[in-house]
C-alpha atoms as a PDB file:
ATOM      1  CA  MET A   1      16.849  -0.453   6.719  1.00  0.00           C
ATOM      2  CA  GLN A   2      13.427   0.518   8.003  1.00  0.00           C
ATOM      3  CA  ASN A   3       9.986  -1.054   7.712  1.00  0.00           C
ATOM      4  CA  TYR A   4       7.338   0.921   5.832  1.00  0.00           C
ATOM      5  CA  GLU A   5       3.777   0.542   4.653  1.00  0.00           C
ATOM      6  CA  LEU A   6       2.580   2.206   1.462  1.00  0.00           C
ATOM      7  CA  MET A   7      -1.084   2.735   0.666  1.00  0.00           C
ATOM      8  CA  VAL A   8      -1.980   3.951  -2.800  1.00  0.00           C
ATOM      9  CA  ILE A   9      -5.384   4.842  -4.206  1.00  0.00           C
ATOM     10  CA  PHE A  10      -5.356   4.497  -7.973  1.00  0.00           C
ATOM     11  CA  THR A  11      -7.899   6.008 -10.343  1.00  0.00           C
ATOM     12  CA  PRO A  12     -10.914   3.704 -10.823  1.00  0.00           C
ATOM     13  CA  VAL A  13     -10.684   3.743 -14.633  1.00  0.00           C
ATOM     14  CA  LEU A  14      -7.698   1.355 -14.688  1.00  0.00           C
ATOM     15  CA  SER A  15      -8.184  -2.072 -16.196  1.00  0.00           C
ATOM     16  CA  GLU A  16      -6.974  -5.155 -14.316  1.00  0.00           C
ATOM     17  CA  GLU A  17      -3.800  -5.291 -16.460  1.00  0.00           C
ATOM     18  CA  GLU A  18      -3.048  -1.589 -15.942  1.00  0.00           C
ATOM     19  CA  PHE A  19      -3.527  -2.002 -12.183  1.00  0.00           C
ATOM     20  CA  LYS A  20      -1.097  -4.938 -12.112  1.00  0.00           C
ATOM     21  CA  LEU A  21       1.433  -2.984 -14.194  1.00  0.00           C
ATOM     22  CA  ALA A  22       1.164  -0.019 -11.814  1.00  0.00           C
ATOM     23  CA  GLN A  23       1.784  -2.310  -8.831  1.00  0.00           C
ATOM     24  CA  LYS A  24       4.744  -3.923 -10.603  1.00  0.00           C
ATOM     25  CA  LYS A  25       6.221  -0.499 -11.378  1.00  0.00           C
ATOM     26  CA  TYR A  26       6.412   0.424  -7.684  1.00  0.00           C
ATOM     27  CA  VAL A  27       7.550  -3.032  -6.587  1.00  0.00           C
ATOM     28  CA  ASP A  28      10.376  -2.824  -9.147  1.00  0.00           C
ATOM     29  CA  PHE A  29      11.219   0.710  -8.001  1.00  0.00           C
ATOM     30  CA  ILE A  30      11.630  -0.420  -4.386  1.00  0.00           C
ATOM     31  CA  THR A  31      13.611  -3.548  -5.214  1.00  0.00           C
ATOM     32  CA  ALA A  32      15.891  -1.524  -7.525  1.00  0.00           C
ATOM     33  CA  GLY A  33      16.579   0.825  -4.603  1.00  0.00           C
ATOM     34  CA  ASP A  34      17.938  -1.992  -2.397  1.00  0.00           C
ATOM     35  CA  GLY A  35      14.558  -2.564  -0.749  1.00  0.00           C
ATOM     36  CA  SER A  36      12.541  -5.724  -0.392  1.00  0.00           C
ATOM     37  CA  ILE A  37       8.817  -6.384  -0.453  1.00  0.00           C
ATOM     38  CA  VAL A  38       7.375  -8.010   2.665  1.00  0.00           C
ATOM     39  CA  HIS A  39       3.736  -8.200   1.575  1.00  0.00           C
ATOM     40  CA  SER A  40       1.507  -6.805  -1.163  1.00  0.00           C
ATOM     41  CA  ASN A  41      -2.272  -6.651  -0.739  1.00  0.00           C
ATOM     42  CA  PRO A  42      -4.532  -5.257  -3.487  1.00  0.00           C
ATOM     43  CA  TRP A  43      -7.844  -4.308  -1.852  1.00  0.00           C
ATOM     44  CA  GLY A  44      -9.652  -3.568  -5.095  1.00  0.00           C
ATOM     45  CA  LEU A  45     -12.324  -0.977  -5.856  1.00  0.00           C
ATOM     46  CA  LYS A  46     -13.656   0.880  -2.790  1.00  0.00           C
ATOM     47  CA  SER A  47     -15.764   3.979  -2.227  1.00  0.00           C
ATOM     48  CA  LEU A  48     -13.945   7.139  -1.189  1.00  0.00           C
ATOM     49  CA  ALA A  49     -15.025   9.156   1.844  1.00  0.00           C
ATOM     50  CA  TYR A  50     -15.134  12.292  -0.322  1.00  0.00           C
ATOM     51  CA  PRO A  51     -14.668  12.943  -4.052  1.00  0.00           C
ATOM     52  CA  VAL A  52     -11.076  13.189  -5.256  1.00  0.00           C
ATOM     53  CA  GLN A  53     -10.562  14.675  -8.728  1.00  0.00           C
ATOM     54  CA  LYS A  54     -14.321  14.240  -9.289  1.00  0.00           C
ATOM     55  CA  LYS A  55     -14.093  10.494  -8.603  1.00  0.00           C
ATOM     56  CA  THR A  56     -16.079   8.769  -5.848  1.00  0.00           C
ATOM     57  CA  THR A  57     -14.277   5.391  -6.009  1.00  0.00           C
ATOM     58  CA  GLY A  58     -10.668   4.274  -6.176  1.00  0.00           C
ATOM     59  CA  ILE A  59      -8.604   1.107  -6.437  1.00  0.00           C
ATOM     60  CA  TYR A  60      -6.748   0.558  -3.172  1.00  0.00           C
ATOM     61  CA  TRP A  61      -3.380  -1.180  -2.806  1.00  0.00           C
ATOM     62  CA  VAL A  62      -1.366  -1.711   0.393  1.00  0.00           C
ATOM     63  CA  MET A  63       2.254  -2.846   0.394  1.00  0.00           C
ATOM     64  CA  GLU A  64       4.619  -3.492   3.279  1.00  0.00           C
ATOM     65  CA  TYR A  65       8.321  -3.186   2.478  1.00  0.00           C
ATOM     66  CA  VAL A  66      11.792  -2.788   3.941  1.00  0.00           C
ATOM     67  CA  ALA A  67      14.046  -0.106   2.448  1.00  0.00           C
ATOM     68  CA  PRO A  68      16.667   2.511   3.256  1.00  0.00           C
ATOM     69  CA  SER A  69      15.110   5.734   4.530  1.00  0.00           C
ATOM     70  CA  ASN A  70      16.555   7.906   1.732  1.00  0.00           C
ATOM     71  CA  MET A  71      14.544   5.964  -0.863  1.00  0.00           C
ATOM     72  CA  ASN A  72      11.176   7.237   0.389  1.00  0.00           C
ATOM     73  CA  GLU A  73      11.637  10.736  -1.028  1.00  0.00           C
ATOM     74  CA  LYS A  74      12.336   9.301  -4.472  1.00  0.00           C
ATOM     75  CA  LEU A  75       9.278   7.053  -4.135  1.00  0.00           C
ATOM     76  CA  LYS A  76       7.068   9.998  -3.140  1.00  0.00           C
ATOM     77  CA  ILE A  77       8.248  11.970  -6.183  1.00  0.00           C
ATOM     78  CA  GLN A  78       7.349   9.027  -8.450  1.00  0.00           C
ATOM     79  CA  LEU A  79       3.917   8.729  -6.843  1.00  0.00           C
ATOM     80  CA  LEU A  80       3.215  12.453  -7.196  1.00  0.00           C
ATOM     81  CA  ARG A  81       4.203  12.391 -10.888  1.00  0.00           C
ATOM     82  CA  ASP A  82       1.975   9.411 -11.678  1.00  0.00           C
ATOM     83  CA  GLU A  83      -1.387  10.503 -13.077  1.00  0.00           C
ATOM     84  CA  GLN A  84      -2.931   7.142 -12.159  1.00  0.00           C
ATOM     85  CA  VAL A  85      -2.435   7.831  -8.413  1.00  0.00           C
ATOM     86  CA  LEU A  86      -5.196   9.767  -6.661  1.00  0.00           C
ATOM     87  CA  ARG A  87      -3.694   9.618  -3.155  1.00  0.00           C
ATOM     88  CA  HIS A  88      -0.847   7.883  -1.353  1.00  0.00           C
ATOM     89  CA  ILE A  89       0.644   7.632   2.107  1.00  0.00           C
ATOM     90  CA  VAL A  90       3.878   6.099   3.385  1.00  0.00           C
ATOM     91  CA  ILE A  91       3.976   5.085   7.041  1.00  0.00           C
ATOM     92  CA  LYS A  92       7.080   4.090   8.992  1.00  0.00           C
ATOM     93  CA  LEU A  93       6.276   0.960  10.995  1.00  0.00           C
ATOM     94  CA  ASP A  94       7.644   0.374  14.476  1.00  0.00           C
ATOM     95  CA  LYS A  95       8.448  -3.093  15.789  1.00  0.00           C
ATOM     96  CA  TYR A  96       4.932  -3.516  17.216  1.00  0.00           C
ATOM     97  CA  ALA A  97       3.259  -2.711  13.898  1.00  0.00           C
ATOM     98  CA  VAL A  98       5.565  -5.130  12.075  1.00  0.00           C
ATOM     99  CA  GLU A  99       4.712  -7.884  14.567  1.00  0.00           C
ATOM    100  CA  TYR A 100       0.976  -7.082  14.344  1.00  0.00           C
ATOM    101  CA  ASN A 101       1.040  -7.266  10.530  1.00  0.00           C
ATOM    102  CA  LYS A 102       2.959 -10.543  10.647  1.00  0.00           C
ATOM    103  CA  ARG A 103       0.455 -12.078  13.077  1.00  0.00           C
ATOM    104  CA  LYS A 104      -2.510 -10.825  11.065  1.00  0.00           C
ATOM    105  CA  ARG A 105      -1.146 -12.317   7.817  1.00  0.00           C
ATOM    106  CA  SER A 106      -0.479 -15.687   9.464  1.00  0.00           C
ATOM    107  CA  GLY A 107      -4.006 -15.927  10.905  1.00  0.00           C
ATOM    108  CA  VAL A 108      -2.946 -15.780  14.561  1.00  0.00           C
ATOM    109  CA  PRO A 109      -5.499 -13.885  16.677  1.00  0.00           C
ATOM    110  CA  THR A 110      -4.363 -10.290  17.183  1.00  0.00           C
ATOM    111  CA  GLY A 111      -6.831  -9.361  19.926  1.00  0.00           C
ATOM    112  CA  ASN A 112      -8.723  -6.930  17.691  1.00  0.00           C
ATOM    113  CA  GLU A 113     -11.252  -9.401  16.319  1.00  0.00           C
ATOM    114  CA  LYS A 114     -14.936  -8.790  16.861  1.00  0.00           C
ATOM    115  CA  ALA A 115     -16.687 -11.056  19.321  1.00  0.00           C
ATOM    116  CA  VAL A 116     -19.103 -13.470  17.688  1.00  0.00           C
ATOM    117  CA  GLU A 117     -22.461 -13.849  19.424  1.00  0.00           C
ATOM    118  CA  VAL A 118     -24.149 -17.212  19.408  1.00  0.00           C
END
């Protein structure tokens, strides 16, 4: 079992319910493939750096999960077939990235915070 992070940019025309259903679809896909979800973080509507399919915004979603490595190809095929997905990326996390994400979620200082001037 490996640790992964999935970032998906969905089309901005999705309603709140459709966005939640799309998230649930991929969470169910991973759990059905003997994986487990570590953390799910919907970022919401953000501007894109450049237009994708004539759209300048997208709904971002980041999910950290643990799964067998052979499941990622099946997941990528599902993401490519989904018309609601503009872009996606799957990143394999090393032990340092897993620890960093865990510390960031718990609120422990990670050392990357901006200094606050008084």
